[in-house]
Amino acid sequence: MTIPAKLSLMIQVGPNAYDEHVLTYNPAEMTFDKGVQLAEIGIPGLDAPLSQFIRGNAEKLTLEIFCDSTESGMGLGATSVTEQTDKLFQLVKILPEVHAPPIATVFWHDEFPGNKLHKAWGNNRRTSFTGMAESVRQRFTLFSPEGVPLRATVNLVLREWRALEEQLHELNLSSPDRTHRHRLAAAQTLPSIAQRYWQRPGLWRELALANAIEDPRRLRPGVLLDVPPLTP
């Protein structure tokens, strides 16, 4: 019988130091909430406004985590379940060396939601979730005769956190106002390259002029082409 993997959190405890907390029980549910911000541009006479993408919103991960310490006994000298819950509660406490709450990364296994994205999304695939705690709600439901908490349910909400360099690497953005270098592949045409970089295949002549191509029907695979900035 295969023992299932345990969900764990890699919790920041210093500027470059981390501590791993493995959950005793895997969560029964995980909720991911991701959206984007759109603006509506109203044009008189149209049936619907035009939608313009502004930016992506931070994703949220919500976990309901069950914690229990009754396996070590429920009588006198029972182990407090706070040894487990405080690992989660500390996520909303300011870390002295960092001057902010810690960053936490959730790991489970390779089949993490977001690891099956189409190759067109490039580096956006993931096998973990990194964020900063937005809220931690603790509900204690069982106590020993001494009043020691033995069982609890913790609701943890993490808000996505990623460094600027990491986001730029994931997006691998291609902008029409920057110069690019393109290695010509077999059967590629200038219109297809103009479509890829400028979204305007009709501007293939600009590519021909920039690369001194006299006959666009005779292109040699492997040649490096300059794709100049697209200017008005």
C-alpha atoms as a PDB file:
ATOM      1  CA  MET A   1       0.000   0.000   0.000  1.00  0.00           C
ATOM      2  CA  THR A   2       1.415   3.378  -1.025  1.00  0.00           C
ATOM      3  CA  ILE A   3       1.474   6.036   1.681  1.00  0.00           C
ATOM      4  CA  PRO A   4       0.065   9.268   0.216  1.00  0.00           C
ATOM      5  CA  ALA A   5       2.246  12.357   0.188  1.00  0.00           C
ATOM      6  CA  LYS A   6       1.736  14.871   2.964  1.00  0.00           C
ATOM      7  CA  LEU A   7       1.107  18.517   2.192  1.00  0.00           C
ATOM      8  CA  SER A   8       3.823  20.719   3.646  1.00  0.00           C
ATOM      9  CA  LEU A   9       4.547  24.412   4.048  1.00  0.00           C
ATOM     10  CA  MET A  10       8.021  25.903   3.692  1.00  0.00           C
ATOM     11  CA  ILE A  11       7.808  28.889   6.051  1.00  0.00           C
ATOM     12  CA  GLN A  12      10.223  31.795   6.077  1.00  0.00           C
ATOM     13  CA  VAL A  13      11.911  32.261   9.471  1.00  0.00           C
ATOM     14  CA  GLY A  14      14.558  34.777   8.427  1.00  0.00           C
ATOM     15  CA  PRO A  15      15.849  36.761   5.422  1.00  0.00           C
ATOM     16  CA  ASN A  16      17.263  33.572   3.846  1.00  0.00           C
ATOM     17  CA  ALA A  17      16.086  30.865   6.247  1.00  0.00           C
ATOM     18  CA  TYR A  18      13.099  28.511   6.025  1.00  0.00           C
ATOM     19  CA  ASP A  19      11.446  25.859   8.207  1.00  0.00           C
ATOM     20  CA  GLU A  20       9.307  23.014   6.839  1.00  0.00           C
ATOM     21  CA  HIS A  21       5.991  22.179   8.491  1.00  0.00           C
ATOM     22  CA  VAL A  22       4.401  18.892   7.362  1.00  0.00           C
ATOM     23  CA  LEU A  23       0.669  18.616   8.022  1.00  0.00           C
ATOM     24  CA  THR A  24      -0.520  15.652  10.057  1.00  0.00           C
ATOM     25  CA  TYR A  25      -3.682  15.414   7.944  1.00  0.00           C
ATOM     26  CA  ASN A  26      -4.023  16.447   4.324  1.00  0.00           C
ATOM     27  CA  PRO A  27      -6.739  19.047   3.661  1.00  0.00           C
ATOM     28  CA  ALA A  28     -10.061  17.792   2.355  1.00  0.00           C
ATOM     29  CA  GLU A  29     -10.399  20.840   0.086  1.00  0.00           C
ATOM     30  CA  MET A  30      -8.208  23.425  -1.617  1.00  0.00           C
ATOM     31  CA  THR A  31      -9.734  26.548  -3.147  1.00  0.00           C
ATOM     32  CA  PHE A  32      -7.864  28.659  -5.698  1.00  0.00           C
ATOM     33  CA  ASP A  33      -9.266  32.061  -6.632  1.00  0.00           C
ATOM     34  CA  LYS A  34      -7.612  33.922  -9.529  1.00  0.00           C
ATOM     35  CA  GLY A  35      -8.983  36.829 -11.547  1.00  0.00           C
ATOM     36  CA  VAL A  36      -7.943  39.638 -13.849  1.00  0.00           C
ATOM     37  CA  GLN A  37      -8.819  43.301 -13.933  1.00  0.00           C
ATOM     38  CA  LEU A  38     -10.628  44.475 -17.048  1.00  0.00           C
ATOM     39  CA  ALA A  39     -11.707  47.953 -18.068  1.00  0.00           C
ATOM     40  CA  GLU A  40     -14.730  48.688 -20.245  1.00  0.00           C
ATOM     41  CA  ILE A  41     -14.414  51.220 -23.036  1.00  0.00           C
ATOM     42  CA  GLY A  42     -17.806  52.498 -24.073  1.00  0.00           C
ATOM     43  CA  ILE A  43     -18.147  53.477 -27.749  1.00  0.00           C
ATOM     44  CA  PRO A  44     -21.455  55.007 -28.904  1.00  0.00           C
ATOM     45  CA  GLY A  45     -23.370  52.808 -31.307  1.00  0.00           C
ATOM     46  CA  LEU A  46     -21.833  49.476 -30.330  1.00  0.00           C
ATOM     47  CA  ASP A  47     -23.907  46.675 -28.839  1.00  0.00           C
ATOM     48  CA  ALA A  48     -21.377  46.119 -26.036  1.00  0.00           C
ATOM     49  CA  PRO A  49     -18.369  48.005 -24.671  1.00  0.00           C
ATOM     50  CA  LEU A  50     -14.853  46.988 -25.607  1.00  0.00           C
ATOM     51  CA  SER A  51     -12.925  45.145 -22.914  1.00  0.00           C
ATOM     52  CA  GLN A  52      -9.306  46.064 -22.178  1.00  0.00           C
ATOM     53  CA  PHE A  53      -7.007  43.900 -20.064  1.00  0.00           C
ATOM     54  CA  ILE A  54      -5.365  45.949 -17.300  1.00  0.00           C
ATOM     55  CA  ARG A  55      -3.485  43.452 -15.134  1.00  0.00           C
ATOM     56  CA  GLY A  56      -3.805  40.173 -13.304  1.00  0.00           C
ATOM     57  CA  ASN A  57      -5.023  40.067  -9.710  1.00  0.00           C
ATOM     58  CA  ALA A  58      -3.208  38.182  -6.966  1.00  0.00           C
ATOM     59  CA  GLU A  59      -4.370  34.585  -6.663  1.00  0.00           C
ATOM     60  CA  LYS A  60      -5.704  33.301  -3.336  1.00  0.00           C
ATOM     61  CA  LEU A  61      -5.346  29.813  -1.905  1.00  0.00           C
ATOM     62  CA  THR A  62      -7.751  28.791   0.873  1.00  0.00           C
ATOM     63  CA  LEU A  63      -7.066  25.714   3.007  1.00  0.00           C
ATOM     64  CA  GLU A  64      -9.117  24.132   5.777  1.00  0.00           C
ATOM     65  CA  ILE A  65      -6.611  22.244   7.935  1.00  0.00           C
ATOM     66  CA  PHE A  66      -7.575  19.707  10.600  1.00  0.00           C
ATOM     67  CA  CYS A  67      -5.215  19.471  13.587  1.00  0.00           C
ATOM     68  CA  ASP A  68      -5.361  16.802  16.308  1.00  0.00           C
ATOM     69  CA  SER A  69      -3.043  15.755  19.143  1.00  0.00           C
ATOM     70  CA  THR A  70      -5.209  13.119  20.860  1.00  0.00           C
ATOM     71  CA  GLU A  71      -2.990  10.248  19.684  1.00  0.00           C
ATOM     72  CA  SER A  72      -0.625  11.046  22.563  1.00  0.00           C
ATOM     73  CA  GLY A  73      -3.470  10.917  25.107  1.00  0.00           C
ATOM     74  CA  MET A  74      -6.349  13.070  26.327  1.00  0.00           C
ATOM     75  CA  GLY A  75      -5.809  12.990  30.089  1.00  0.00           C
ATOM     76  CA  LEU A  76      -3.353  14.724  32.372  1.00  0.00           C
ATOM     77  CA  GLY A  77      -0.224  15.879  30.587  1.00  0.00           C
ATOM     78  CA  ALA A  78      -1.854  15.718  27.176  1.00  0.00           C
ATOM     79  CA  THR A  79       0.021  17.316  24.285  1.00  0.00           C
ATOM     80  CA  SER A  80      -1.483  20.622  23.185  1.00  0.00           C
ATOM     81  CA  VAL A  81      -2.637  20.883  19.596  1.00  0.00           C
ATOM     82  CA  THR A  82      -1.167  24.396  19.549  1.00  0.00           C
ATOM     83  CA  GLU A  83       2.161  22.783  18.647  1.00  0.00           C
ATOM     84  CA  GLN A  84       0.526  22.345  15.232  1.00  0.00           C
ATOM     85  CA  THR A  85      -1.764  25.372  15.042  1.00  0.00           C
ATOM     86  CA  ASP A  86       0.875  27.897  16.102  1.00  0.00           C
ATOM     87  CA  LYS A  87       2.902  26.917  13.022  1.00  0.00           C
ATOM     88  CA  LEU A  88       0.017  28.336  11.014  1.00  0.00           C
ATOM     89  CA  PHE A  89      -0.855  31.228  13.319  1.00  0.00           C
ATOM     90  CA  GLN A  90       2.698  32.580  13.023  1.00  0.00           C
ATOM     91  CA  LEU A  91       2.032  33.254   9.328  1.00  0.00           C
ATOM     92  CA  VAL A  92       0.142  36.442  10.229  1.00  0.00           C
ATOM     93  CA  LYS A  93       2.691  37.620  12.803  1.00  0.00           C
ATOM     94  CA  ILE A  94       5.450  40.074  11.869  1.00  0.00           C
ATOM     95  CA  LEU A  95       8.836  38.416  11.510  1.00  0.00           C
ATOM     96  CA  PRO A  96      11.330  40.695  13.372  1.00  0.00           C
ATOM     97  CA  GLU A  97      14.220  40.288  10.925  1.00  0.00           C
ATOM     98  CA  VAL A  98      12.039  40.819   7.867  1.00  0.00           C
ATOM     99  CA  HIS A  99       9.686  43.509   9.289  1.00  0.00           C
ATOM    100  CA  ALA A 100       6.726  41.760   7.648  1.00  0.00           C
ATOM    101  CA  PRO A 101       4.784  38.497   7.902  1.00  0.00           C
ATOM    102  CA  PRO A 102       6.687  35.522   6.444  1.00  0.00           C
ATOM    103  CA  ILE A 103       6.433  34.098   2.961  1.00  0.00           C
ATOM    104  CA  ALA A 104       5.168  30.518   2.788  1.00  0.00           C
ATOM    105  CA  THR A 105       5.269  27.990  -0.039  1.00  0.00           C
ATOM    106  CA  VAL A 106       2.754  25.127  -0.228  1.00  0.00           C
ATOM    107  CA  PHE A 107       4.062  21.818  -1.617  1.00  0.00           C
ATOM    108  CA  TRP A 108       2.203  18.532  -2.045  1.00  0.00           C
ATOM    109  CA  HIS A 109       3.145  16.535  -5.153  1.00  0.00           C
ATOM    110  CA  ASP A 110       3.902  17.084  -8.821  1.00  0.00           C
ATOM    111  CA  GLU A 111       0.212  16.955  -9.765  1.00  0.00           C
ATOM    112  CA  PHE A 112      -0.326  20.388  -8.242  1.00  0.00           C
ATOM    113  CA  PRO A 113      -3.091  22.522  -9.825  1.00  0.00           C
ATOM    114  CA  GLY A 114      -1.462  24.590 -12.552  1.00  0.00           C
ATOM    115  CA  ASN A 115       1.120  22.059 -13.744  1.00  0.00           C
ATOM    116  CA  LYS A 116      -0.791  21.037 -16.896  1.00  0.00           C
ATOM    117  CA  LEU A 117      -0.947  24.406 -18.651  1.00  0.00           C
ATOM    118  CA  HIS A 118      -0.609  24.403 -22.427  1.00  0.00           C
ATOM    119  CA  LYS A 119       2.920  24.986 -23.715  1.00  0.00           C
ATOM    120  CA  ALA A 120       1.767  28.330 -25.127  1.00  0.00           C
ATOM    121  CA  TRP A 121       1.799  29.653 -21.532  1.00  0.00           C
ATOM    122  CA  GLY A 122       5.552  29.057 -21.397  1.00  0.00           C
ATOM    123  CA  ASN A 123       7.038  29.252 -17.899  1.00  0.00           C
ATOM    124  CA  ASN A 124       3.706  29.654 -16.079  1.00  0.00           C
ATOM    125  CA  ARG A 125       3.455  25.979 -15.081  1.00  0.00           C
ATOM    126  CA  ARG A 126       3.819  25.362 -11.355  1.00  0.00           C
ATOM    127  CA  THR A 127       4.083  22.592  -8.775  1.00  0.00           C
ATOM    128  CA  SER A 128       3.674  24.778  -5.685  1.00  0.00           C
ATOM    129  CA  PHE A 129       2.026  27.962  -4.448  1.00  0.00           C
ATOM    130  CA  THR A 130       3.908  30.806  -2.732  1.00  0.00           C
ATOM    131  CA  GLY A 131       2.081  33.504  -0.840  1.00  0.00           C
ATOM    132  CA  MET A 132       1.682  35.641   2.247  1.00  0.00           C
ATOM    133  CA  ALA A 133      -1.058  34.861   4.745  1.00  0.00           C
ATOM    134  CA  GLU A 134      -4.076  37.143   4.483  1.00  0.00           C
ATOM    135  CA  SER A 135      -5.916  35.537   7.397  1.00  0.00           C
ATOM    136  CA  VAL A 136      -5.727  32.622   9.824  1.00  0.00           C
ATOM    137  CA  ARG A 137      -8.889  31.493  11.625  1.00  0.00           C
ATOM    138  CA  GLN A 138      -8.535  28.927  14.436  1.00  0.00           C
ATOM    139  CA  ARG A 139     -11.463  26.978  15.906  1.00  0.00           C
ATOM    140  CA  PHE A 140     -10.670  24.724  18.889  1.00  0.00           C
ATOM    141  CA  THR A 141     -13.218  21.965  19.410  1.00  0.00           C
ATOM    142  CA  LEU A 142     -11.794  19.548  22.012  1.00  0.00           C
ATOM    143  CA  PHE A 143     -10.017  20.095  25.346  1.00  0.00           C
ATOM    144  CA  SER A 144      -8.440  17.908  28.039  1.00  0.00           C
ATOM    145  CA  PRO A 145      -9.699  17.980  31.658  1.00  0.00           C
ATOM    146  CA  GLU A 146      -6.965  20.549  32.303  1.00  0.00           C
ATOM    147  CA  GLY A 147      -8.256  22.765  29.519  1.00  0.00           C
ATOM    148  CA  VAL A 148      -5.452  21.924  27.101  1.00  0.00           C
ATOM    149  CA  PRO A 149      -6.687  22.265  23.480  1.00  0.00           C
ATOM    150  CA  LEU A 150      -6.495  18.919  21.693  1.00  0.00           C
ATOM    151  CA  ARG A 151      -8.317  19.388  18.405  1.00  0.00           C
ATOM    152  CA  ALA A 152      -8.739  22.345  16.066  1.00  0.00           C
ATOM    153  CA  THR A 153      -9.664  23.403  12.551  1.00  0.00           C
ATOM    154  CA  VAL A 154      -7.611  26.160  10.942  1.00  0.00           C
ATOM    155  CA  ASN A 155      -8.785  28.149   7.924  1.00  0.00           C
ATOM    156  CA  LEU A 156      -5.764  29.590   6.150  1.00  0.00           C
ATOM    157  CA  VAL A 157      -5.926  32.096   3.287  1.00  0.00           C
ATOM    158  CA  LEU A 158      -2.706  32.770   1.365  1.00  0.00           C
ATOM    159  CA  ARG A 159      -2.412  35.629  -1.113  1.00  0.00           C
ATOM    160  CA  GLU A 160      -0.038  35.052  -4.027  1.00  0.00           C
ATOM    161  CA  TRP A 161       3.441  36.548  -3.687  1.00  0.00           C
ATOM    162  CA  ARG A 162       6.047  36.545  -6.451  1.00  0.00           C
ATOM    163  CA  ALA A 163       9.137  38.655  -7.022  1.00  0.00           C
ATOM    164  CA  LEU A 164       9.249  40.918 -10.092  1.00  0.00           C
ATOM    165  CA  GLU A 165      12.127  38.978 -11.665  1.00  0.00           C
ATOM    166  CA  GLU A 166      10.208  35.710 -11.333  1.00  0.00           C
ATOM    167  CA  GLN A 167       7.085  37.142 -12.977  1.00  0.00           C
ATOM    168  CA  LEU A 168       9.027  38.559 -15.926  1.00  0.00           C
ATOM    169  CA  HIS A 169      10.723  35.173 -16.413  1.00  0.00           C
ATOM    170  CA  GLU A 170       7.359  33.373 -16.365  1.00  0.00           C
ATOM    171  CA  LEU A 171       5.683  35.737 -18.795  1.00  0.00           C
ATOM    172  CA  ASN A 172       8.602  35.888 -21.254  1.00  0.00           C
ATOM    173  CA  LEU A 173       6.880  38.913 -22.737  1.00  0.00           C
ATOM    174  CA  SER A 174       7.406  39.867 -26.364  1.00  0.00           C
ATOM    175  CA  SER A 175       6.735  43.527 -27.111  1.00  0.00           C
ATOM    176  CA  PRO A 176       6.299  45.077 -30.580  1.00  0.00           C
ATOM    177  CA  ASP A 177       8.194  48.225 -29.500  1.00  0.00           C
ATOM    178  CA  ARG A 178      11.452  46.296 -28.835  1.00  0.00           C
ATOM    179  CA  THR A 179      14.008  44.869 -31.245  1.00  0.00           C
ATOM    180  CA  HIS A 180      14.010  41.070 -31.549  1.00  0.00           C
ATOM    181  CA  ARG A 181      16.177  38.483 -33.265  1.00  0.00           C
ATOM    182  CA  HIS A 182      14.414  35.586 -34.977  1.00  0.00           C
ATOM    183  CA  ARG A 183      16.010  32.440 -36.406  1.00  0.00           C
ATOM    184  CA  LEU A 184      14.134  31.450 -39.535  1.00  0.00           C
ATOM    185  CA  ALA A 185      12.632  27.957 -39.449  1.00  0.00           C
ATOM    186  CA  ALA A 186      11.779  25.794 -42.451  1.00  0.00           C
ATOM    187  CA  ALA A 187       8.571  26.799 -44.241  1.00  0.00           C
ATOM    188  CA  GLN A 188       8.289  30.053 -42.285  1.00  0.00           C
ATOM    189  CA  THR A 189       7.219  33.168 -44.167  1.00  0.00           C
ATOM    190  CA  LEU A 190       7.660  36.858 -43.499  1.00  0.00           C
ATOM    191  CA  PRO A 191       3.910  37.362 -42.942  1.00  0.00           C
ATOM    192  CA  SER A 192       3.896  34.648 -40.265  1.00  0.00           C
ATOM    193  CA  ILE A 193       6.822  36.318 -38.477  1.00  0.00           C
ATOM    194  CA  ALA A 194       5.122  39.717 -38.681  1.00  0.00           C
ATOM    195  CA  GLN A 195       2.019  38.134 -37.164  1.00  0.00           C
ATOM    196  CA  ARG A 196       4.033  36.564 -34.331  1.00  0.00           C
ATOM    197  CA  TYR A 197       5.812  39.734 -33.228  1.00  0.00           C
ATOM    198  CA  TRP A 198       3.484  42.517 -34.366  1.00  0.00           C
ATOM    199  CA  GLN A 199       0.096  40.793 -34.797  1.00  0.00           C
ATOM    200  CA  ARG A 200       0.001  42.396 -38.272  1.00  0.00           C
ATOM    201  CA  PRO A 201       1.002  39.999 -41.088  1.00  0.00           C
ATOM    202  CA  GLY A 202       0.545  42.735 -43.682  1.00  0.00           C
ATOM    203  CA  LEU A 203       3.706  44.431 -42.448  1.00  0.00           C
ATOM    204  CA  TRP A 204       5.973  41.717 -43.876  1.00  0.00           C
ATOM    205  CA  ARG A 205       7.590  44.299 -46.174  1.00  0.00           C
ATOM    206  CA  GLU A 206       9.021  46.035 -43.089  1.00  0.00           C
ATOM    207  CA  LEU A 207      10.840  42.806 -42.278  1.00  0.00           C
ATOM    208  CA  ALA A 208      12.095  42.504 -45.839  1.00  0.00           C
ATOM    209  CA  LEU A 209      13.475  46.063 -45.799  1.00  0.00           C
ATOM    210  CA  ALA A 210      15.089  45.651 -42.372  1.00  0.00           C
ATOM    211  CA  ASN A 211      16.925  42.522 -43.534  1.00  0.00           C
ATOM    212  CA  ALA A 212      17.639  43.540 -47.166  1.00  0.00           C
ATOM    213  CA  ILE A 213      15.589  40.628 -48.506  1.00  0.00           C
ATOM    214  CA  GLU A 214      15.027  41.041 -52.248  1.00  0.00           C
ATOM    215  CA  ASP A 215      12.931  37.916 -52.815  1.00  0.00           C
ATOM    216  CA  PRO A 216      10.742  36.952 -49.798  1.00  0.00           C
ATOM    217  CA  ARG A 217       9.843  33.683 -51.514  1.00  0.00           C
ATOM    218  CA  ARG A 218      13.424  32.441 -51.227  1.00  0.00           C
ATOM    219  CA  LEU A 219      14.231  32.382 -47.537  1.00  0.00           C
ATOM    220  CA  ARG A 220      17.036  30.247 -46.130  1.00  0.00           C
ATOM    221  CA  PRO A 221      16.199  28.348 -42.902  1.00  0.00           C
ATOM    222  CA  GLY A 222      18.567  29.112 -40.030  1.00  0.00           C
ATOM    223  CA  VAL A 223      19.180  32.745 -40.990  1.00  0.00           C
ATOM    224  CA  LEU A 224      18.869  35.286 -38.170  1.00  0.00           C
ATOM    225  CA  LEU A 225      16.416  38.058 -38.950  1.00  0.00           C
ATOM    226  CA  ASP A 226      16.219  41.433 -37.253  1.00  0.00           C
ATOM    227  CA  VAL A 227      12.682  42.274 -36.138  1.00  0.00           C
ATOM    228  CA  PRO A 228      12.788  46.058 -35.621  1.00  0.00           C
ATOM    229  CA  PRO A 229      10.554  48.004 -33.228  1.00  0.00           C
ATOM    230  CA  LEU A 230       7.101  48.671 -34.604  1.00  0.00           C
ATOM    231  CA  THR A 231       6.648  52.443 -34.775  1.00  0.00           C
ATOM    232  CA  PRO A 232       3.609  54.475 -35.814  1.00  0.00           C
END
